[in-house]
Amino acid sequence: MSISGIDDVLHLAIRDDGHGFDLDQAKGKGLGLISMEERVRHLGGTFSISVKPGDGACIEIRIPLETNLPMLAVESITP
């Protein structure tokens, strides 16, 4: 797994060296991959899966980082 933030984009890559899987069958067998993809897209990001049967899989996620967020003001509270 690797994670980095370059050019205002968060990049997450999850790789394994397993046996791979059939992507079409995996997407129809639960909500895990579908849910991950929906959450990433909701944040304006991209989600991709590459699978090589017999050679593992890689999930790549890229999410834009907002840099123009207003700073949160911290108020001092005195008793």
C-alpha atoms as a PDB file:
ATOM      1  CA  MET A   1       0.000   0.000   0.000  1.00  0.00           C
ATOM      2  CA  SER A   2       1.206   3.493  -0.726  1.00  0.00           C
ATOM      3  CA  ILE A   3      -0.259   6.879   0.003  1.00  0.00           C
ATOM      4  CA  SER A   4       0.975  10.275  -1.151  1.00  0.00           C
ATOM      5  CA  GLY A   5      -0.203  13.816  -1.644  1.00  0.00           C
ATOM      6  CA  ILE A   6       1.221  15.486  -4.723  1.00  0.00           C
ATOM      7  CA  ASP A   7      -0.093  18.536  -6.605  1.00  0.00           C
ATOM      8  CA  ASP A   8      -3.149  18.837  -4.348  1.00  0.00           C
ATOM      9  CA  VAL A   9      -4.226  15.249  -5.019  1.00  0.00           C
ATOM     10  CA  LEU A  10      -4.308  12.416  -2.511  1.00  0.00           C
ATOM     11  CA  HIS A  11      -3.180   9.184  -4.185  1.00  0.00           C
ATOM     12  CA  LEU A  12      -3.753   5.803  -2.558  1.00  0.00           C
ATOM     13  CA  ALA A  13      -2.635   2.546  -4.171  1.00  0.00           C
ATOM     14  CA  ILE A  14      -3.434  -0.853  -2.694  1.00  0.00           C
ATOM     15  CA  ARG A  15      -1.656  -3.766  -4.351  1.00  0.00           C
ATOM     16  CA  ASP A  16      -1.476  -7.440  -3.668  1.00  0.00           C
ATOM     17  CA  ASP A  17       0.452 -10.248  -5.251  1.00  0.00           C
ATOM     18  CA  GLY A  18      -2.312 -12.803  -4.888  1.00  0.00           C
ATOM     19  CA  HIS A  19      -4.127 -14.845  -7.486  1.00  0.00           C
ATOM     20  CA  GLY A  20      -6.253 -12.046  -8.899  1.00  0.00           C
ATOM     21  CA  PHE A  21      -9.999 -12.368  -9.426  1.00  0.00           C
ATOM     22  CA  ASP A  22     -12.736 -11.852 -11.972  1.00  0.00           C
ATOM     23  CA  LEU A  23     -13.682  -8.189 -11.591  1.00  0.00           C
ATOM     24  CA  ASP A  24     -17.195  -8.597 -13.042  1.00  0.00           C
ATOM     25  CA  GLN A  25     -18.011 -11.402 -10.604  1.00  0.00           C
ATOM     26  CA  ALA A  26     -16.505  -9.550  -7.638  1.00  0.00           C
ATOM     27  CA  LYS A  27     -18.599  -6.411  -8.242  1.00  0.00           C
ATOM     28  CA  GLY A  28     -21.779  -8.501  -8.227  1.00  0.00           C
ATOM     29  CA  LYS A  29     -21.033 -10.348  -4.964  1.00  0.00           C
ATOM     30  CA  GLY A  30     -21.333  -7.614  -2.366  1.00  0.00           C
ATOM     31  CA  LEU A  31     -21.104  -3.938  -1.686  1.00  0.00           C
ATOM     32  CA  GLY A  32     -17.418  -3.562  -0.794  1.00  0.00           C
ATOM     33  CA  LEU A  33     -15.963  -2.439  -4.124  1.00  0.00           C
ATOM     34  CA  ILE A  34     -19.151  -0.637  -5.138  1.00  0.00           C
ATOM     35  CA  SER A  35     -19.248   1.268  -1.850  1.00  0.00           C
ATOM     36  CA  MET A  36     -15.581   2.223  -2.104  1.00  0.00           C
ATOM     37  CA  GLU A  37     -16.070   3.557  -5.620  1.00  0.00           C
ATOM     38  CA  GLU A  38     -19.205   5.527  -4.674  1.00  0.00           C
ATOM     39  CA  ARG A  39     -17.464   7.190  -1.721  1.00  0.00           C
ATOM     40  CA  VAL A  40     -14.448   8.181  -3.799  1.00  0.00           C
ATOM     41  CA  ARG A  41     -16.599   9.612  -6.594  1.00  0.00           C
ATOM     42  CA  HIS A  42     -18.677  11.527  -4.025  1.00  0.00           C
ATOM     43  CA  LEU A  43     -15.441  13.277  -3.020  1.00  0.00           C
ATOM     44  CA  GLY A  44     -14.736  14.171  -6.665  1.00  0.00           C
ATOM     45  CA  GLY A  45     -12.091  11.481  -7.044  1.00  0.00           C
ATOM     46  CA  THR A  46     -11.331   8.611  -9.356  1.00  0.00           C
ATOM     47  CA  PHE A  47     -11.328   4.913  -8.521  1.00  0.00           C
ATOM     48  CA  SER A  48      -9.801   2.191 -10.666  1.00  0.00           C
ATOM     49  CA  ILE A  49      -9.092  -1.494 -10.307  1.00  0.00           C
ATOM     50  CA  SER A  50      -6.668  -3.443 -12.445  1.00  0.00           C
ATOM     51  CA  VAL A  51      -6.592  -7.209 -12.139  1.00  0.00           C
ATOM     52  CA  LYS A  52      -4.220  -9.691 -13.690  1.00  0.00           C
ATOM     53  CA  PRO A  53      -5.454 -13.258 -13.159  1.00  0.00           C
ATOM     54  CA  GLY A  54      -2.709 -15.200 -11.452  1.00  0.00           C
ATOM     55  CA  ASP A  55      -0.801 -12.003 -10.663  1.00  0.00           C
ATOM     56  CA  GLY A  56      -2.820 -10.022  -8.114  1.00  0.00           C
ATOM     57  CA  ALA A  57      -4.768  -6.782  -8.172  1.00  0.00           C
ATOM     58  CA  CYS A  58      -4.302  -3.052  -7.715  1.00  0.00           C
ATOM     59  CA  ILE A  59      -6.848  -0.502  -6.532  1.00  0.00           C
ATOM     60  CA  GLU A  60      -5.936   3.127  -7.211  1.00  0.00           C
ATOM     61  CA  ILE A  61      -7.761   6.050  -5.678  1.00  0.00           C
ATOM     62  CA  ARG A  62      -7.153   9.732  -6.412  1.00  0.00           C
ATOM     63  CA  ILE A  63      -8.987  12.436  -4.479  1.00  0.00           C
ATOM     64  CA  PRO A  64      -8.489  16.161  -5.052  1.00  0.00           C
ATOM     65  CA  LEU A  65      -7.468  18.032  -1.922  1.00  0.00           C
ATOM     66  CA  GLU A  66      -9.169  21.334  -1.266  1.00  0.00           C
ATOM     67  CA  THR A  67      -6.631  24.026  -0.536  1.00  0.00           C
ATOM     68  CA  ASN A  68      -8.962  27.025  -0.304  1.00  0.00           C
ATOM     69  CA  LEU A  69     -10.794  26.039   2.845  1.00  0.00           C
ATOM     70  CA  PRO A  70     -11.322  28.810   5.385  1.00  0.00           C
ATOM     71  CA  MET A  71      -9.142  28.524   8.441  1.00  0.00           C
ATOM     72  CA  LEU A  72     -11.020  27.511  11.550  1.00  0.00           C
ATOM     73  CA  ALA A  73     -10.904  30.178  14.195  1.00  0.00           C
ATOM     74  CA  VAL A  74     -10.036  28.986  17.646  1.00  0.00           C
ATOM     75  CA  GLU A  75     -11.623  31.121  20.296  1.00  0.00           C
ATOM     76  CA  SER A  76     -10.072  31.489  23.681  1.00  0.00           C
ATOM     77  CA  ILE A  77     -12.524  30.819  26.427  1.00  0.00           C
ATOM     78  CA  THR A  78     -11.840  32.461  29.761  1.00  0.00           C
ATOM     79  CA  PRO A  79     -13.825  31.602  32.873  1.00  0.00           C
END
